[in-house]
Protein backbone atom coordinates (compact mmCIF):
# COMPACT_ATOMS: atom_id res chain seq x y z
CA MET A 1 52.24 8.27 -33.46
CA ASP A 2 50.89 9.42 -36.87
CA HIS A 3 51.12 13.14 -36.09
CA ARG A 4 48.96 14.66 -39.28
CA PRO A 5 48.14 18.30 -40.41
CA PRO A 6 44.97 18.79 -40.20
CA HIS A 7 42.49 18.40 -42.82
CA SER A 8 42.06 21.91 -44.82
CA ARG A 9 39.49 22.50 -47.37
CA SER A 10 40.15 22.41 -50.25
CA ARG A 11 39.65 24.93 -52.72
CA ARG A 12 38.83 23.34 -55.94
CA PRO A 13 35.66 21.37 -55.80
CA SER A 14 35.54 17.88 -55.54
CA GLN A 15 34.60 14.86 -57.87
CA PRO A 16 31.31 14.78 -55.80
CA ARG A 17 30.71 18.49 -55.40
CA LEU A 18 31.01 18.55 -59.58
CA VAL A 19 28.56 15.71 -60.09
CA LEU A 20 26.41 18.05 -57.62
CA LEU A 21 26.72 20.86 -59.58
CA ALA A 22 24.58 19.24 -62.53
CA VAL A 23 22.05 18.80 -60.83
CA PRO A 24 20.81 22.11 -60.88
CA PHE A 25 21.66 23.32 -63.62
CA ALA A 26 19.33 20.13 -65.17
CA LEU A 27 17.22 21.18 -62.83
CA ILE A 28 17.24 24.86 -65.11
CA ALA A 29 17.05 23.12 -68.34
CA ILE A 30 14.23 20.93 -67.34
CA VAL A 31 12.52 23.32 -66.14
CA THR A 32 12.70 26.34 -69.22
CA VAL A 33 11.87 23.77 -71.57
CA VAL A 34 8.60 22.21 -70.24
CA ASP A 35 7.44 26.14 -69.35
CA ILE A 36 7.78 26.91 -72.61
CA LEU A 37 5.96 24.04 -74.22
CA ALA A 38 2.76 24.52 -71.77
CA PRO A 39 -0.01 25.63 -71.82
CA PRO A 40 -0.40 29.55 -71.54
CA ASP A 41 -2.02 28.90 -68.12
CA VAL A 42 0.43 26.98 -66.60
CA HIS A 43 4.02 28.69 -65.21
CA LEU A 44 6.52 26.65 -63.58
CA GLY A 45 9.35 29.71 -63.50
CA PRO A 46 8.99 29.37 -59.53
CA PHE A 47 10.54 26.12 -59.35
CA LEU A 48 13.65 27.61 -60.78
CA VAL A 49 14.60 29.33 -57.29
CA ALA A 50 15.00 25.67 -56.31
CA ALA A 51 18.28 25.52 -58.75
CA PRO A 52 20.08 28.48 -56.06
CA ALA A 53 18.97 26.79 -52.93
CA LEU A 54 20.30 23.31 -53.75
CA THR A 55 23.50 24.90 -55.28
CA ALA A 56 23.67 27.01 -51.98
CA SER A 57 23.82 23.56 -49.43
CA PHE A 58 27.13 22.29 -51.41
CA ALA A 59 28.47 24.75 -53.25
CA GLY A 60 29.92 28.84 -52.29
CA PRO A 61 28.61 31.94 -53.21
CA ARG A 62 30.28 32.77 -56.63
CA MET A 63 28.39 29.32 -57.88
CA THR A 64 25.85 30.17 -56.31
CA GLY A 65 25.43 33.70 -56.82
CA PHE A 66 25.78 32.28 -60.91
CA VAL A 67 23.48 29.57 -60.97
CA GLY A 68 20.88 31.77 -59.34
CA ALA A 69 21.82 34.50 -62.60
CA VAL A 70 21.73 31.10 -65.05
CA ALA A 71 18.29 30.91 -63.39
CA VAL A 72 16.83 34.79 -63.56
CA LEU A 73 18.46 34.25 -67.38
CA ALA A 74 16.45 31.63 -68.59
CA GLN A 75 13.55 32.85 -66.49
CA ALA A 76 13.41 35.97 -68.84
CA THR A 77 14.19 33.85 -71.90
CA VAL A 78 10.74 32.02 -70.93
CA ALA A 79 9.22 35.42 -70.99
CA ILE A 80 10.69 36.48 -74.49
CA TRP A 81 9.59 33.43 -75.68
CA ARG A 82 6.00 33.12 -73.78
CA THR A 83 4.61 36.68 -74.22
CA THR A 84 7.14 39.46 -73.18
CA LEU A 85 9.33 40.80 -71.08
CA THR A 86 7.32 43.42 -69.09
CA ASP A 87 4.31 41.16 -68.43
CA LEU A 88 3.13 41.92 -64.87
CA ASN A 89 3.41 37.87 -63.76
CA HIS A 90 7.03 37.49 -65.81
CA THR A 91 8.41 40.42 -63.55
CA PHE A 92 6.69 39.73 -60.28
CA GLN A 93 8.97 36.48 -61.36
CA ILE A 94 12.26 37.42 -61.83
CA ILE A 95 12.08 40.19 -59.04
CA ALA A 96 11.36 37.19 -56.97
CA LEU A 97 14.30 34.73 -58.11
CA VAL A 98 16.43 37.52 -57.99
CA LEU A 99 15.64 38.43 -54.16
CA ILE A 100 16.11 35.08 -53.65
CA SER A 101 19.02 34.44 -55.43
CA ALA A 102 20.84 36.87 -53.15
CA PHE A 103 19.09 35.54 -50.53
CA VAL A 104 21.07 31.77 -50.61
CA THR A 105 24.33 33.20 -51.60
CA PHE A 106 24.65 35.43 -48.66
CA PHE A 107 24.00 32.02 -46.60
CA ALA A 108 26.33 30.56 -48.45
CA HIS A 109 29.01 32.90 -47.72
CA LEU A 110 28.07 32.73 -44.39
CA ARG A 111 28.65 28.84 -44.16
CA GLU A 112 31.85 29.26 -46.12
CA VAL A 113 33.09 32.20 -43.52
CA HIS A 114 32.50 29.39 -41.00
CA GLU A 115 34.06 26.50 -42.59
CA GLU A 116 36.85 28.45 -42.38
CA GLN A 117 36.57 29.55 -38.92
CA LEU A 118 36.57 26.05 -37.60
CA THR A 119 39.44 25.01 -40.16
CA GLN A 120 41.73 27.65 -38.06
CA LEU A 121 39.99 26.29 -34.85
CA ARG A 122 40.48 22.91 -35.86
CA SER A 123 44.44 24.03 -36.77
CA VAL A 124 44.57 25.57 -33.74
CA ALA A 125 43.96 22.57 -31.72
CA GLU A 126 46.07 20.07 -33.79
CA ALA A 127 49.24 22.56 -33.07
CA ALA A 128 48.28 22.11 -28.89
CA GLN A 129 47.98 19.00 -29.87
CA ARG A 130 51.39 18.50 -31.65
CA VAL A 131 52.98 20.51 -28.81
CA VAL A 132 51.19 18.79 -25.61
CA LEU A 133 51.04 15.45 -26.81
CA ARG A 134 54.16 14.66 -28.26
CA PRO A 135 55.42 12.16 -30.31
CA LEU A 136 57.29 9.00 -29.21
CA PRO A 137 60.34 7.13 -30.50
CA ASP A 138 59.58 4.00 -31.96
CA ARG A 139 63.07 2.18 -29.68
CA MET A 140 63.84 3.21 -26.44
CA GLY A 141 66.89 1.37 -25.24
CA PRO A 142 65.91 -2.19 -24.99
CA LEU A 143 62.08 -1.45 -25.74
CA ARG A 144 60.36 -1.26 -29.10
CA VAL A 145 57.48 1.25 -28.39
CA ALA A 146 54.08 2.35 -29.91
CA ALA A 147 51.91 4.30 -29.26
CA VAL A 148 47.95 6.03 -30.99
CA TYR A 149 45.47 8.00 -29.60
CA LEU A 150 41.23 8.16 -30.50
CA ALA A 151 39.52 11.60 -30.49
CA ALA A 152 36.12 10.31 -30.11
CA GLU A 153 35.00 13.29 -32.90
CA ALA A 154 37.67 12.59 -36.18
CA GLU A 155 37.58 16.54 -36.41
CA ALA A 156 38.24 17.34 -32.38
CA GLN A 157 42.06 16.12 -31.93
CA ILE A 158 41.89 16.96 -28.87
CA GLY A 159 41.10 15.92 -26.03
CA GLY A 160 42.63 14.95 -21.85
CA ASP A 161 43.91 11.36 -22.77
CA LEU A 162 47.70 11.86 -22.16
CA TYR A 163 51.00 9.77 -22.21
CA ALA A 164 54.70 10.47 -22.10
CA ALA A 165 57.70 8.83 -22.23
CA ALA A 166 61.37 9.26 -20.74
CA ARG A 167 64.65 8.11 -20.95
CA THR A 168 67.10 8.25 -17.65
CA PRO A 169 70.30 6.51 -17.11
CA HIS A 170 68.65 3.07 -15.90
CA GLY A 171 65.49 2.74 -17.66
CA THR A 172 62.64 4.32 -19.35
CA ARG A 173 59.99 6.09 -17.71
CA LEU A 174 56.49 6.75 -19.04
CA ILE A 175 53.31 7.89 -17.79
CA ILE A 176 49.86 7.40 -19.38
CA GLY A 177 46.32 9.27 -17.81
CA ASP A 178 43.28 10.89 -18.62
CA VAL A 179 42.29 14.18 -17.09
CA ARG A 180 38.48 15.15 -16.06
CA GLY A 181 37.15 16.74 -18.69
CA LYS A 182 37.29 17.52 -22.67
CA GLY A 183 38.17 20.27 -24.76
CA LEU A 184 41.30 22.70 -24.13
CA GLU A 185 40.13 23.33 -20.55
CA ALA A 186 41.54 19.47 -20.24
CA VAL A 187 44.70 19.90 -22.56
CA GLY A 188 45.97 22.13 -19.98
CA GLU A 189 45.01 20.19 -16.97
CA ALA A 190 47.12 17.97 -19.54
CA ALA A 191 49.83 19.58 -20.45
CA ILE A 192 50.50 20.54 -16.54
CA VAL A 193 50.47 16.25 -15.93
CA LEU A 194 53.19 16.43 -18.57
CA GLY A 195 55.21 19.58 -18.19
CA ALA A 196 55.66 18.30 -14.54
CA PHE A 197 56.70 14.18 -15.84
CA ARG A 198 59.24 15.45 -18.42
CA ALA A 199 60.88 17.68 -15.87
CA ALA A 200 61.56 15.30 -12.80
CA ALA A 201 61.89 11.73 -14.73
CA HIS A 202 65.35 12.57 -15.02
CA GLN A 203 65.31 13.78 -11.50
CA GLU A 204 63.78 11.83 -9.15
CA HIS A 205 65.21 8.81 -8.08
CA ASP A 206 62.84 6.66 -7.20
CA LEU A 207 59.44 6.32 -8.79
CA PRO A 208 56.89 7.07 -5.62
CA GLY A 209 59.20 10.29 -5.88
CA LEU A 210 57.99 11.10 -9.31
CA VAL A 211 54.43 10.79 -8.46
CA ALA A 212 54.97 12.45 -5.33
CA HIS A 213 56.59 15.41 -7.88
CA LEU A 214 53.24 15.08 -10.36
CA GLU A 215 50.72 15.52 -7.50
CA ALA A 216 52.14 18.73 -6.20
CA ALA A 217 52.32 19.96 -9.73
CA VAL A 218 48.10 18.61 -9.62
CA ALA A 219 47.66 20.30 -6.72
CA ALA A 220 49.55 23.64 -7.29
CA ASP A 221 46.54 24.36 -10.16
CA PRO A 222 43.16 22.87 -8.91
CA ASP A 223 41.59 25.29 -10.76
CA GLY A 224 42.73 24.86 -14.15
CA GLY A 225 44.90 27.92 -14.17
CA GLU A 226 43.96 31.85 -15.09
CA GLY A 227 42.14 30.92 -18.81
CA ALA A 228 40.11 28.02 -16.98
CA GLY A 229 36.70 29.77 -17.57
CA GLU A 230 33.10 29.49 -15.92
CA ASP A 231 33.62 25.61 -16.99
CA SER A 232 36.14 24.57 -14.83
CA ALA A 233 36.05 22.03 -12.02
CA PRO A 234 35.63 23.46 -8.69
CA PRO A 235 38.18 22.76 -6.22
CA GLY A 236 38.48 18.22 -5.96
CA GLU A 237 36.08 17.96 -8.43
CA GLY A 238 39.22 18.44 -10.78
CA PHE A 239 41.45 15.40 -11.28
CA THR A 240 43.83 12.76 -13.53
CA THR A 241 43.63 9.34 -13.06
CA ALA A 242 47.44 7.98 -14.50
CA ALA A 243 49.77 4.39 -14.56
CA VAL A 244 53.39 5.52 -14.11
CA VAL A 245 55.80 2.70 -15.55
CA ASP A 246 59.40 2.61 -14.13
CA ILE A 247 61.37 0.14 -16.92
CA PRO A 248 65.06 -0.79 -16.21
CA ASP A 249 67.19 -1.65 -18.85
CA GLY A 250 69.25 -4.13 -16.84
CA ALA A 251 66.26 -5.92 -15.20
CA SER A 252 63.37 -8.20 -16.18
CA THR A 253 60.83 -6.33 -14.42
CA LEU A 254 58.85 -2.85 -14.44
CA GLN A 255 57.39 -0.95 -11.35
CA VAL A 256 54.16 0.68 -11.29
CA ILE A 257 52.24 3.26 -10.14
CA SER A 258 48.35 3.35 -10.20
CA CYS A 259 46.80 6.78 -9.18
CA GLY A 260 43.31 5.36 -10.20
CA HIS A 261 43.41 4.30 -13.24
CA PRO A 262 42.89 0.73 -15.52
CA PRO A 263 46.05 -1.85 -14.70
CA PRO A 264 48.56 -2.23 -17.42
CA LEU A 265 47.72 -5.45 -19.70
CA LEU A 266 51.13 -8.06 -19.83
CA LEU A 267 50.74 -9.60 -22.47
CA ARG A 268 52.96 -13.40 -22.35
CA GLY A 269 52.50 -16.58 -24.77
CA GLY A 270 49.39 -16.10 -25.73
CA ARG A 271 47.45 -15.02 -21.92
CA VAL A 272 46.71 -11.63 -20.87
CA ILE A 273 47.58 -10.87 -17.29
CA ALA A 274 46.50 -7.47 -15.70
CA LEU A 275 49.11 -6.07 -13.45
CA GLU A 276 46.59 -4.71 -10.74
CA VAL A 277 49.15 -3.44 -8.03
CA ASP A 278 47.73 -3.92 -3.95
CA HIS A 279 47.80 -0.94 -3.24
CA PRO A 280 46.53 2.14 -5.94
CA ALA A 281 46.76 5.16 -4.96
CA PRO A 282 44.08 8.41 -5.50
CA PRO A 283 44.18 9.95 -9.03
CA LEU A 284 46.31 13.36 -9.08
CA GLY A 285 44.93 16.03 -7.56
CA LEU A 286 42.85 13.93 -5.35
CA THR A 287 45.70 12.90 -2.49
CA GLN A 288 44.82 15.88 -0.13
CA PHE A 289 41.16 13.85 0.57
CA VAL A 290 42.51 10.38 1.24
CA GLU A 291 45.81 10.02 2.61
CA SER A 292 47.47 7.42 0.72
CA GLY A 293 51.08 7.13 -0.03
CA PHE A 294 52.60 6.11 -3.29
CA ALA A 295 53.95 2.69 -3.46
CA ALA A 296 55.45 1.04 -6.11
CA GLN A 297 55.02 -2.31 -7.54
CA THR A 298 57.43 -4.62 -9.73
CA PHE A 299 56.71 -7.20 -12.07
CA ALA A 300 58.31 -9.31 -14.14
CA PHE A 301 58.95 -8.50 -17.85
CA GLU A 302 60.82 -10.52 -19.59
CA PRO A 303 62.18 -10.31 -23.53
CA GLY A 304 59.56 -11.11 -26.12
CA ASP A 305 57.03 -9.83 -23.39
CA VAL A 306 54.24 -6.77 -23.83
CA VAL A 307 52.67 -4.04 -21.68
CA LEU A 308 49.90 -2.44 -23.02
CA LEU A 309 48.94 0.66 -21.21
CA TYR A 310 45.62 2.60 -22.38
CA THR A 311 42.93 5.12 -20.82
CA ASP A 312 39.46 4.41 -19.93
CA GLY A 313 37.69 5.39 -23.16
CA VAL A 314 39.49 1.65 -24.82
CA ILE A 315 37.62 -0.49 -21.65
CA GLU A 316 34.49 1.90 -21.35
CA ALA A 317 33.93 1.40 -25.68
CA ARG A 318 30.17 0.10 -26.24
CA ASP A 319 28.50 -1.85 -29.06
CA GLY A 320 24.95 -1.25 -29.69
CA ASP A 321 24.07 -3.88 -27.53
CA GLY A 322 25.15 -1.76 -24.73
CA THR A 323 28.25 -4.23 -24.28
CA PHE A 324 31.81 -2.86 -23.30
CA TYR A 325 34.63 -3.45 -24.83
CA PRO A 326 36.39 -6.85 -24.02
CA LEU A 327 40.33 -5.88 -24.24
CA PRO A 328 42.23 -8.07 -22.05
CA GLU A 329 39.93 -11.07 -24.35
CA ARG A 330 41.27 -9.37 -27.89
CA ALA A 331 44.21 -8.36 -27.03
CA GLY A 332 45.10 -12.69 -26.33
CA ASP A 333 43.60 -12.65 -29.67
CA TRP A 334 46.43 -10.96 -30.97
CA PRO A 335 48.93 -12.99 -33.15
CA GLY A 336 52.06 -11.66 -31.96
CA ASP A 337 54.40 -9.29 -34.08
CA GLY A 338 55.15 -6.28 -32.20
CA PRO A 339 53.51 -3.72 -30.12
CA ASP A 340 52.54 -1.47 -33.95
CA ALA A 341 50.96 -4.51 -34.89
CA LEU A 342 49.68 -5.18 -31.47
CA LEU A 343 47.60 -1.60 -31.49
CA ARG A 344 46.44 -1.70 -34.83
CA HIS A 345 44.49 -5.34 -34.18
CA LEU A 346 43.04 -3.22 -31.69
CA CYS A 347 42.11 -0.05 -33.28
CA ALA A 348 40.83 -1.64 -36.01
CA ASP A 349 38.34 -4.05 -33.53
CA LEU A 350 37.57 -1.58 -31.47
CA LEU A 351 36.17 0.84 -34.42
CA ARG A 352 34.32 -2.58 -35.50
CA HIS A 353 32.96 -3.25 -32.29
CA SER A 354 31.57 0.95 -31.66
CA PRO A 355 28.46 1.46 -33.29
CA GLY A 356 29.46 3.26 -36.95
CA GLY A 357 33.07 3.67 -35.53
CA ARG A 358 32.65 5.95 -33.02
CA LEU A 359 33.93 6.14 -29.84
CA GLY A 360 32.17 7.88 -26.71
CA ASP A 361 34.95 8.83 -25.45
CA ASP A 362 38.48 9.58 -26.63
CA ALA A 363 41.23 6.90 -26.36
CA ALA A 364 44.98 6.35 -26.10
CA MET A 365 47.08 3.14 -26.13
CA VAL A 366 50.85 2.70 -25.39
CA ALA A 367 52.64 -0.74 -26.43
CA ILE A 368 56.05 -1.67 -24.79
CA GLU A 369 57.80 -4.99 -25.71
CA ARG A 370 61.40 -5.88 -24.37
CA VAL A 371 63.04 -6.99 -27.15
CA ARG A 372 65.14 -10.77 -26.89
CA GLY A 373 68.22 -10.53 -26.65
CA GLY A 374 70.38 -8.06 -28.25
CA PRO A 375 72.80 -4.89 -27.93
CA GLU A 376 69.89 -2.61 -26.97
CA HIS A 377 69.99 -4.66 -23.43
CA ARG A 378 73.40 -3.37 -22.48
CA ARG A 379 72.88 0.83 -23.34
CA HIS A 380 72.37 2.99 -21.27
CA HIS A 381 71.39 5.93 -23.30
CA SER A 382 69.09 7.17 -25.54
CA PRO A 383 68.48 6.58 -29.32
CA ALA A 384 68.02 8.34 -32.11
CA PRO A 385 64.16 10.11 -31.96
CA HIS A 386 62.67 8.07 -34.89
CA ARG A 387 59.09 8.22 -34.62
CA SER A 388 57.13 5.37 -34.35
CA SER A 389 54.98 4.39 -37.66
CA ASN A 390 51.94 5.70 -38.67
CA ILE A 391 48.91 4.57 -36.49
CA PRO A 392 46.05 6.47 -37.42
CA ARG A 393 45.13 9.17 -34.50
CA THR A 394 41.79 10.07 -35.64
CA LEU A 395 38.30 8.12 -36.26
CA PRO A 396 37.67 8.41 -39.82
CA GLY A 397 35.22 10.34 -40.40
């Protein structure tokens, strides 16, 4: 997974801004020349206020103030050329230009302060996401793994979608889930689920025991903790859908427990098979209201197969006509070249499907391939934690 630092705002003016700066200076030059050549009863000086006003929309307070000073100097030049600097009409025009320039410079300062605050908040969000949603290794025993997180908003790199993987003495365990809600509260809930998974994945011998541990962790903090705030979900309304998968090293199978989550997709020989469990469990946090055990169901997972885990932000993405994204159909179009290539194919196709390349909800996907043959089938220890390849984790701006 590609964890990138937040996009900090550059202190140097970009090329587009340099081009934009030519507009207010050109405006000042044109108004000055035309005003000097105009008849005595024609005054174009008031148009000079447009120069600092335009500059404030894209530049900082220093440049805005500089443009305002140039506009005042241009107005003074017109006054001296046409009459005198103390002419009443020109004096009021200069005073008005000074006041307006100071006014828009102040608002340019406020905008710059606001942008700096947003940059800091994005840095905090990125740091929180790094802590909660750790990158997955690209190789785990006999498995190749790739993961991607797509934020609905390009600058909001934080949400309630989650995934994680853990190596055990007997295989690999994975979880993918979706917390109800968004923002920091959802991240806090996701942290609880992921912390419980990472702590228990190595201790619980069977998959039902692991999911029961996750349920206990979520049920122990139904209101989202002390910092949940006024907008936290009331008891019974906060929950997490999840799919938990156990893939043993020594058998061509996998086990799945679905807690109200969309079924994993198995890609095999050009076919796409939904791994629907016969007895799904309620979402984590709701089992207290529904009497239901956690039953693991076994499916074949042979060398060369790829399993795709995903959140509902993928299948609920709509196009301009309101049609949902047909994930099984589009996954079936994948030519087959590893989990990394599968996620790149689906990400590009999902963005084309969504109007303007923007999703209505966060989305996460994890692809797992059991490799064909090789010594990896006989390894029962954790490989070196290589990062998966550079799959973009946010939508383009």
